[in-house]
Structure formats: structure tokens, C-alpha cells
């Protein structure tokens, strides 16, 4: 996304990717796009297929006690979200970059960053056994939680904040029609469930599970049976079928501050992680890219570093609000092993208040569809 937005401004960039093309396009990831993310894809010139195939959702459902309660996002917040898989977003961006003949290096190994505290940073990498060196103006570290960018920063220069959750998400992808036209978030005494989709014929479902659970404990039959049990009466029309993919992912909240170190800028999961409950991970990465692309445009065209100097502070304000919302949604809908009877009653009271209060539903909707930049 960043490379495409820079290209639109006439700014040259080189993208290094550790994996091969097939791996990148085979990964199953998020699929809920805020309106601001859709706007960025339009700005990048890659939204044509999204508008043709994406599913616009004006609401979500929150279910508990076997009853679903619809929250009208458009009525409460004046905006909608679009269901379009992150894999498809990546494909559109990669194809646009390749069509424009812009540099994109797959299988870049042993990447190292040097001299980013100077005006001429250096990136070194190995490709097909040969060493390469790039001397550049700026390094954008968009390489995820485990990438080299944040790891290259001296520990004394960065502060991290983290909360781990005592459960994970077991996800299943299937070629089946979705349970409902909109996402369904389910609170159940035995654990959270989410009914989502990637298209009108491909569904994505999640179950809260123990952190030490294993995929080989979950046959398709067991997964569908447990999902139906947590859905209760809402699951009577659930279409089941063979899984295409199953995975277990831990949940964590994580933020690294600041996000600028000289000429090195962190963006996306390199700087922050959210639990997926609030659908904020991909969208936060997009908002980082919005701020950074604007700042780089000012740097090259207006010859000012004011935007670069403000990048970290501007991005972190929105990040922490999304962290708060994702933590809140997770706390609201999941079962925590440490919760006593009082805590469970409070959680139920919070759910009752949410679906019975226009103000509470508006607050959820405002955050779910995405806060403004």
C-alpha cells in the first residue's frame, strides 16, 4: 500500500519481501475494511475489483443467550464496512506494482539495516546467493511483529507495552455460504465464536480455544458441532462442509513507542498488534501508511520534515484508541478463566446495556467502522 501511494506521488521505492510470491498470496488473513481503508485503496488506484466483489455491510450482530441483536452501523455512525479479504487486497496491490514495472524483490534473505541514524541509511540483503546493498533516504519497516526493523532498534530507544490473553482463536475456512449476511459475534459461557465470511460462497468461522490447544484435536466434525452448540438456535441454518484451512492464533495487545528512529519508520504489525475481535489490525496498518505517505510527500515535494517528525505521535493517537476498542470488544465477548461469578454477571450486564442503549451502540459503531484520520 505504501509503495503504491508513493508511486502516485512520483516517489521511488523498492520493496523487499522475505517470502516468495505464492506464499504471500496463499496466506489467509483479515477481511473487514473500514471506509478509510477503502478510500486509501481508491487513492492508490486499486479499488476496482474491491468495488465489484466486496460485500458492503451496514451492520453486525452481537449474540448472547441464544439471541442475536443487530447493531446498525450506518444508522449509528453513518458509515459501513466492506468485506474483502486481505489476501485479495495484497493481490491487487502486487499486480498494480508489477504492471507499473516497480521494483519488488521476493525471497530477500538476511536483510540488515544500518546507518538509519544518518541521512543515508543502508539496507543489505541476499538474493539467490548474491549480496545486495541499497542506499536510500528512508526505510519503512512494514515487516511485521517478527521482522528485522523493530529488532534493529537499540533496546534503550524503544518502549513496549503488551498484554497477552489466556486463549486463542481456532479459525476454519470453508467453501460454504455464510451463516448470515453480516458478521455475528457470539458470547457463550464456554467461549467466544465469530461467524464471518470472505464472499457469498466462502465462510470464515472462529472459536475461542485454550492457548495450548492443537489443530489435530479438531476434526471438521468437532469444529462444526462446537460452533453449532455455541450458536444455539442461531445455528439452525448453518451450512457445513470440508475445511480449506484451519489454524490457531494467540491473541495479544502490543504497542512499541516511538515509531520513528532517525530515518527508520515502523508501520503496521512492526509497531503494534491488536486482538482480532475489533477488526483493526489491517486497518491500523493502513492508517499508519496514510500518515507516512503524507509525510513522505511533504518531505520530497515541500522539502520539510515536519510530517516525518509528527508521524509517530499522530499514528500512536489512533493506534491507542484502536487498542482500547479491541481490548474492550475482547473483554466483552470472551470467557476469561479468572472471571468469578461477579465478573460474569458484570459482563452480561455490559452486553445487556450495549444492545439496549442507542448511545452504547453508537459508541461501538463509531469505533467499528473506523475513527477518522
Protein backbone atom coordinates (compact mmCIF):
# COMPACT_ATOMS: atom_id res chain seq x y z
CA UNK A 1 0.00 0.00 0.00
CA UNK A 2 2.75 2.43 0.93
CA UNK A 3 4.66 1.72 -2.28
CA UNK A 4 1.56 2.33 -4.38
CA UNK A 5 0.70 5.61 -2.63
CA UNK A 6 4.29 6.81 -3.07
CA UNK A 7 4.23 5.84 -6.75
CA UNK A 8 1.13 8.01 -7.19
CA UNK A 9 3.20 10.93 -5.85
CA UNK A 10 6.16 10.19 -8.12
CA UNK A 11 8.33 8.89 -5.26
CA UNK A 12 10.54 5.89 -5.99
CA UNK A 13 10.61 2.89 -3.68
CA UNK A 14 11.95 -0.66 -3.53
CA UNK A 15 10.00 -3.36 -1.68
CA UNK A 16 11.83 -6.30 -0.12
CA UNK A 17 9.76 -9.39 0.75
CA UNK A 18 11.21 -12.30 2.71
CA UNK A 19 8.86 -14.94 1.30
CA UNK A 20 8.03 -15.96 -2.27
CA UNK A 21 5.03 -14.69 -4.21
CA UNK A 22 2.97 -17.87 -3.78
CA UNK A 23 3.39 -17.81 -0.01
CA UNK A 24 2.29 -14.18 0.27
CA UNK A 25 -0.82 -14.78 -1.83
CA UNK A 26 -1.65 -18.01 -0.01
CA UNK A 27 -1.89 -16.59 3.49
CA UNK A 28 -5.38 -16.31 4.99
CA UNK A 29 -5.81 -13.04 6.83
CA UNK A 30 -8.36 -10.42 7.84
CA UNK A 31 -11.26 -9.30 5.73
CA UNK A 32 -13.08 -6.32 7.29
CA UNK A 33 -12.14 -2.98 5.72
CA UNK A 34 -13.00 0.36 7.28
CA UNK A 35 -14.23 3.09 4.94
CA UNK A 36 -10.93 4.92 5.43
CA UNK A 37 -9.06 1.84 4.16
CA UNK A 38 -11.35 1.62 1.14
CA UNK A 39 -10.67 5.30 0.49
CA UNK A 40 -6.91 4.65 0.57
CA UNK A 41 -7.26 1.80 -1.92
CA UNK A 42 -9.18 4.16 -4.20
CA UNK A 43 -6.41 6.74 -3.79
CA UNK A 44 -3.88 4.05 -4.70
CA UNK A 45 -5.87 3.20 -7.84
CA UNK A 46 -6.53 -0.44 -6.90
CA UNK A 47 -10.17 -0.46 -5.77
CA UNK A 48 -11.90 -1.61 -8.96
CA UNK A 49 -12.13 -5.32 -8.04
CA UNK A 50 -12.91 -4.45 -4.43
CA UNK A 51 -16.00 -2.49 -5.50
CA UNK A 52 -17.03 -5.30 -7.83
CA UNK A 53 -16.55 -8.22 -5.41
CA UNK A 54 -16.52 -6.69 -1.92
CA UNK A 55 -19.54 -7.06 0.37
CA UNK A 56 -20.72 -3.82 1.97
CA UNK A 57 -22.08 -4.40 5.47
CA UNK A 58 -24.25 -1.83 7.20
CA UNK A 59 -24.40 -3.74 10.49
CA UNK A 60 -23.12 -6.53 12.71
CA UNK A 61 -24.87 -8.84 15.19
CA UNK A 62 -23.91 -9.44 18.81
CA UNK A 63 -25.41 -12.67 20.15
CA UNK A 64 -25.69 -13.97 23.70
CA UNK A 65 -28.15 -16.19 25.48
CA UNK A 66 -29.04 -17.72 22.12
CA UNK A 67 -30.43 -14.41 20.82
CA UNK A 68 -28.88 -12.16 18.18
CA UNK A 69 -29.01 -8.36 18.42
CA UNK A 70 -28.28 -6.32 15.29
CA UNK A 71 -26.26 -3.11 15.58
CA UNK A 72 -26.94 -0.82 12.63
CA UNK A 73 -23.55 0.70 11.84
CA UNK A 74 -24.83 3.06 9.18
CA UNK A 75 -27.67 4.39 11.28
CA UNK A 76 -25.48 4.75 14.39
CA UNK A 77 -22.27 6.02 12.79
CA UNK A 78 -23.15 6.99 9.23
CA UNK A 79 -20.66 4.55 7.68
CA UNK A 80 -20.34 0.91 6.68
CA UNK A 81 -17.55 -1.66 6.42
CA UNK A 82 -16.57 -3.74 3.39
CA UNK A 83 -15.78 -7.46 3.48
CA UNK A 84 -12.85 -8.11 1.15
CA UNK A 85 -10.03 -10.45 2.13
CA UNK A 86 -6.58 -9.10 2.95
CA UNK A 87 -5.18 -11.68 0.55
CA UNK A 88 -7.19 -10.05 -2.26
CA UNK A 89 -6.06 -6.57 -1.22
CA UNK A 90 -2.46 -7.81 -1.37
CA UNK A 91 -3.03 -9.38 -4.79
CA UNK A 92 -4.48 -6.16 -6.20
CA UNK A 93 -1.57 -4.10 -4.86
CA UNK A 94 1.08 -6.56 -6.07
CA UNK A 95 -0.41 -6.78 -9.54
CA UNK A 96 -0.58 -2.98 -9.78
CA UNK A 97 3.06 -2.68 -8.75
CA UNK A 98 4.19 -5.36 -11.19
CA UNK A 99 2.12 -3.81 -14.02
CA UNK A 100 3.87 -0.48 -13.39
CA UNK A 101 7.27 -2.22 -13.52
CA UNK A 102 8.20 -1.12 -9.99
CA UNK A 103 10.88 -3.00 -8.03
CA UNK A 104 9.55 -5.84 -5.87
CA UNK A 105 12.13 -8.34 -4.61
CA UNK A 106 10.82 -11.67 -3.33
CA UNK A 107 12.87 -14.09 -1.20
CA UNK A 108 15.15 -11.37 0.11
CA UNK A 109 17.23 -13.10 2.78
CA UNK A 110 19.48 -11.91 5.62
CA UNK A 111 18.13 -8.37 5.49
CA UNK A 112 20.02 -5.90 7.69
CA UNK A 113 19.53 -2.17 8.34
CA UNK A 114 22.42 0.21 9.03
CA UNK A 115 23.04 3.92 9.41
CA UNK A 116 19.36 4.84 9.84
CA UNK A 117 20.51 7.46 12.33
CA UNK A 118 22.10 9.30 9.39
CA UNK A 119 20.69 10.91 6.23
CA UNK A 120 21.78 7.95 4.07
CA UNK A 121 20.55 4.66 5.55
CA UNK A 122 21.71 1.36 4.10
CA UNK A 123 19.73 -1.85 3.58
CA UNK A 124 21.63 -5.04 2.79
CA UNK A 125 20.14 -8.34 1.72
CA UNK A 126 20.97 -11.61 -0.06
CA UNK A 127 19.08 -12.78 -3.14
CA UNK A 128 19.93 -16.02 -4.98
CA UNK A 129 23.19 -16.24 -3.06
CA UNK A 130 24.35 -12.74 -4.03
CA UNK A 131 24.72 -9.83 -1.63
CA UNK A 132 22.96 -6.55 -2.47
CA UNK A 133 23.09 -3.08 -0.96
CA UNK A 134 20.54 -0.25 -1.18
CA UNK A 135 21.45 3.28 -0.16
CA UNK A 136 18.27 5.23 0.39
CA UNK A 137 16.71 8.27 2.03
CA UNK A 138 14.12 6.48 4.18
CA UNK A 139 13.49 2.96 5.46
CA UNK A 140 9.86 1.97 6.09
CA UNK A 141 9.70 -1.05 8.37
CA UNK A 142 6.45 -2.73 7.30
CA UNK A 143 7.78 -6.20 8.10
CA UNK A 144 5.52 -7.37 10.90
CA UNK A 145 5.92 -8.31 14.54
CA UNK A 146 8.86 -10.68 13.93
CA UNK A 147 10.61 -8.55 11.30
CA UNK A 148 14.09 -7.09 11.31
CA UNK A 149 13.05 -3.42 11.52
CA UNK A 150 11.98 -3.14 15.15
CA UNK A 151 14.67 -5.65 16.14
CA UNK A 152 17.31 -3.31 14.67
CA UNK A 153 16.39 -0.50 17.07
CA UNK A 154 18.56 -0.29 20.25
CA UNK A 155 16.53 -1.51 23.22
CA UNK A 156 17.26 1.74 25.06
CA UNK A 157 15.49 3.74 22.33
CA UNK A 158 12.16 1.91 22.33
CA UNK A 159 9.47 1.12 24.88
CA UNK A 160 6.95 -1.68 24.50
CA UNK A 161 3.53 -2.25 26.07
CA UNK A 162 1.96 -5.69 25.94
CA UNK A 163 -0.97 -7.73 27.19
CA UNK A 164 -1.35 -11.41 26.40
CA UNK A 165 -4.76 -13.09 26.55
CA UNK A 166 -5.27 -16.54 28.11
CA UNK A 167 -6.84 -18.06 24.99
CA UNK A 168 -6.50 -18.26 21.22
CA UNK A 169 -8.73 -18.33 18.15
CA UNK A 170 -9.27 -21.53 16.21
CA UNK A 171 -10.17 -20.49 12.67
CA UNK A 172 -11.75 -22.53 9.88
CA UNK A 173 -12.25 -21.53 6.24
CA UNK A 174 -14.80 -23.39 4.13
CA UNK A 175 -16.48 -23.20 0.71
CA UNK A 176 -19.91 -22.78 2.25
CA UNK A 177 -22.41 -19.91 2.24
CA UNK A 178 -22.12 -17.71 5.35
CA UNK A 179 -24.46 -18.18 8.27
CA UNK A 180 -25.80 -14.63 7.90
CA UNK A 181 -25.49 -11.60 5.63
CA UNK A 182 -23.44 -9.79 8.31
CA UNK A 183 -20.84 -10.79 10.89
CA UNK A 184 -22.13 -12.45 14.07
CA UNK A 185 -20.15 -12.04 17.32
CA UNK A 186 -21.17 -14.68 19.86
CA UNK A 187 -20.70 -14.65 23.63
CA UNK A 188 -21.15 -18.09 25.23
CA UNK A 189 -20.29 -19.39 28.68
CA UNK A 190 -17.86 -21.88 27.10
CA UNK A 191 -16.17 -19.37 24.83
CA UNK A 192 -16.49 -16.78 22.09
CA UNK A 193 -17.40 -17.56 18.48
CA UNK A 194 -17.39 -15.44 15.32
CA UNK A 195 -19.26 -16.12 12.09
CA UNK A 196 -17.63 -14.22 9.25
CA UNK A 197 -17.14 -14.59 5.51
CA UNK A 198 -14.85 -13.82 2.59
CA UNK A 199 -17.55 -13.91 -0.09
CA UNK A 200 -21.11 -15.12 -0.59
CA UNK A 201 -19.79 -18.66 -1.05
CA UNK A 202 -16.76 -18.74 1.27
CA UNK A 203 -17.10 -18.57 5.07
CA UNK A 204 -14.65 -17.95 7.89
CA UNK A 205 -15.51 -19.12 11.41
CA UNK A 206 -13.66 -18.80 14.71
CA UNK A 207 -13.89 -20.45 18.12
CA UNK A 208 -12.19 -19.34 21.32
CA UNK A 209 -9.89 -22.15 22.43
CA UNK A 210 -7.18 -22.79 25.06
CA UNK A 211 -3.71 -21.47 24.23
CA UNK A 212 -2.23 -24.98 24.38
CA UNK A 213 -4.85 -26.50 22.06
CA UNK A 214 -3.69 -28.34 18.95
CA UNK A 215 -5.11 -28.46 15.45
CA UNK A 216 -5.07 -32.25 15.42
CA UNK A 217 -7.57 -32.15 18.30
CA UNK A 218 -10.10 -30.53 15.97
CA UNK A 219 -11.65 -32.55 13.20
CA UNK A 220 -14.06 -30.70 10.96
CA UNK A 221 -16.93 -32.56 12.60
CA UNK A 222 -15.87 -31.45 16.09
CA UNK A 223 -15.48 -27.84 14.96
CA UNK A 224 -18.92 -27.66 13.36
CA UNK A 225 -20.52 -29.37 16.35
CA UNK A 226 -18.97 -26.94 18.82
CA UNK A 227 -19.85 -23.92 16.69
CA UNK A 228 -23.48 -25.05 16.49
CA UNK A 229 -23.56 -25.56 20.25
CA UNK A 230 -22.28 -22.05 20.95
CA UNK A 231 -24.68 -20.56 18.40
CA UNK A 232 -27.70 -22.33 19.91
CA UNK A 233 -30.91 -21.57 18.00
CA UNK A 234 -28.99 -19.16 15.74
CA UNK A 235 -27.09 -22.10 14.23
CA UNK A 236 -30.10 -23.94 12.82
CA UNK A 237 -29.30 -22.78 9.26
CA UNK A 238 -25.51 -23.21 9.49
CA UNK A 239 -24.12 -24.76 6.29
CA UNK A 240 -21.16 -27.06 6.95
CA UNK A 241 -18.55 -28.62 4.71
CA UNK A 242 -14.89 -29.63 4.43
CA UNK A 243 -12.38 -27.10 5.70
CA UNK A 244 -10.00 -25.43 3.27
CA UNK A 245 -7.74 -24.19 6.05
CA UNK A 246 -7.59 -24.38 9.84
CA UNK A 247 -5.27 -22.50 12.18
CA UNK A 248 -4.87 -21.47 15.81
CA UNK A 249 -3.67 -17.96 16.63
CA UNK A 250 -2.86 -16.47 20.05
CA UNK A 251 -4.30 -13.08 20.99
CA UNK A 252 -2.22 -10.18 22.23
CA UNK A 253 -2.21 -6.41 22.51
CA UNK A 254 1.16 -4.83 21.76
CA UNK A 255 2.47 -1.32 21.07
CA UNK A 256 6.02 -0.09 20.52
CA UNK A 257 6.84 3.57 21.05
CA UNK A 258 8.05 5.65 19.32
CA UNK A 259 7.61 4.62 15.67
CA UNK A 260 10.44 6.75 14.28
CA UNK A 261 14.19 6.24 14.76
CA UNK A 262 16.09 8.71 12.61
CA UNK A 263 15.31 7.67 9.03
CA UNK A 264 13.66 4.37 10.04
CA UNK A 265 9.86 4.40 10.40
CA UNK A 266 7.80 1.49 11.72
CA UNK A 267 4.33 0.78 10.34
CA UNK A 268 1.71 -1.93 10.86
CA UNK A 269 2.45 -5.02 12.92
CA UNK A 270 6.08 -3.99 13.27
CA UNK A 271 4.80 -1.38 15.74
CA UNK A 272 1.53 -2.75 17.09
CA UNK A 273 -0.68 -5.82 17.42
CA UNK A 274 -4.36 -5.92 18.36
CA UNK A 275 -6.60 -8.89 19.15
CA UNK A 276 -8.68 -9.50 16.02
CA UNK A 277 -12.01 -9.04 17.78
CA UNK A 278 -12.40 -5.42 16.68
CA UNK A 279 -11.16 -5.99 13.09
CA UNK A 280 -8.46 -3.34 13.48
CA UNK A 281 -5.13 -4.98 12.52
CA UNK A 282 -5.16 -4.42 8.75
CA UNK A 283 -6.94 -1.09 9.15
CA UNK A 284 -4.38 0.24 11.64
CA UNK A 285 -1.60 -0.66 9.22
CA UNK A 286 -3.46 1.28 6.53
CA UNK A 287 -3.79 4.34 8.77
CA UNK A 288 -0.05 4.23 9.53
CA UNK A 289 0.59 4.19 5.79
CA UNK A 290 -1.75 7.14 5.33
CA UNK A 291 0.23 9.26 7.80
CA UNK A 292 3.59 8.08 6.48
CA UNK A 293 2.78 8.58 2.79
CA UNK A 294 1.57 12.11 3.51
CA UNK A 295 4.74 12.86 5.49
CA UNK A 296 6.97 11.48 2.72
CA UNK A 297 5.11 13.54 0.13
CA UNK A 298 5.85 16.68 2.17
CA UNK A 299 9.47 15.58 2.63
CA UNK A 300 10.12 15.18 -1.10
CA UNK A 301 7.86 17.82 -2.61
CA UNK A 302 7.77 20.54 0.04
CA UNK A 303 11.28 19.92 1.43
CA UNK A 304 10.04 19.78 5.02
CA UNK A 305 10.48 17.14 7.70
CA UNK A 306 7.56 18.41 9.80
CA UNK A 307 5.34 15.48 8.78
CA UNK A 308 8.08 12.94 9.46
CA UNK A 309 8.71 14.46 12.88
CA UNK A 310 4.99 14.29 13.71
CA UNK A 311 4.42 10.79 12.25
CA UNK A 312 4.88 8.73 15.40
CA UNK A 313 2.74 10.96 17.61
CA UNK A 314 -0.07 11.21 15.04
CA UNK A 315 -0.14 7.48 14.38
CA UNK A 316 0.00 6.49 18.05
CA UNK A 317 -3.06 8.57 18.97
CA UNK A 318 -5.19 6.49 16.58
CA UNK A 319 -3.38 3.26 17.49
CA UNK A 320 -4.12 3.55 21.20
CA UNK A 321 -7.80 4.26 20.53
CA UNK A 322 -7.96 1.12 18.39
CA UNK A 323 -6.08 -0.83 21.07
CA UNK A 324 -8.67 0.30 23.61
CA UNK A 325 -11.58 -0.71 21.39
CA UNK A 326 -10.07 -4.11 20.52
CA UNK A 327 -9.36 -4.81 24.22
CA UNK A 328 -12.92 -3.78 25.10
CA UNK A 329 -14.53 -5.94 22.41
CA UNK A 330 -12.40 -8.89 23.52
CA UNK A 331 -13.27 -8.36 27.18
CA UNK A 332 -16.96 -8.05 26.32
CA UNK A 333 -17.33 -11.19 24.22
CA UNK A 334 -14.80 -13.74 25.52
CA UNK A 335 -14.80 -16.04 28.52
CA UNK A 336 -11.85 -15.43 30.84
CA UNK A 337 -10.69 -18.30 33.08
CA UNK A 338 -10.05 -15.94 36.00
CA UNK A 339 -13.59 -14.50 35.95
CA UNK A 340 -15.61 -15.24 39.07
CA UNK A 341 -19.41 -15.22 39.32
CA UNK A 342 -19.48 -11.46 39.90
CA UNK A 343 -17.33 -10.79 36.82
CA UNK A 344 -19.61 -12.96 34.69
CA UNK A 345 -22.67 -11.03 35.84
CA UNK A 346 -20.96 -7.73 35.09
CA UNK A 347 -20.09 -8.98 31.59
CA UNK A 348 -23.71 -9.97 30.98
CA UNK A 349 -24.89 -6.58 32.28
CA UNK A 350 -22.49 -4.89 29.85
CA UNK A 351 -23.93 -6.90 26.96
CA UNK A 352 -27.50 -6.09 28.04
CA UNK A 353 -26.61 -2.41 28.27
CA UNK A 354 -24.95 -2.42 24.85
CA UNK A 355 -27.92 -3.81 22.95
CA UNK A 356 -30.43 -1.73 24.94
CA UNK A 357 -28.75 1.65 24.64
CA UNK A 358 -28.63 3.74 21.48
CA UNK A 359 -25.64 5.63 22.90
CA UNK A 360 -23.73 2.42 23.63
CA UNK A 361 -24.45 1.02 20.17
CA UNK A 362 -23.35 4.30 18.59
CA UNK A 363 -20.04 4.16 20.51
CA UNK A 364 -19.39 0.62 19.27
CA UNK A 365 -20.40 1.54 15.71
CA UNK A 366 -18.21 4.66 15.64
CA UNK A 367 -15.16 2.63 16.58
CA UNK A 368 -16.01 -0.42 14.45
CA UNK A 369 -16.38 1.50 11.19
CA UNK A 370 -13.13 3.35 11.95
CA UNK A 371 -12.27 6.63 13.58
CA UNK A 372 -11.29 9.46 11.22
CA UNK A 373 -7.64 10.12 10.43
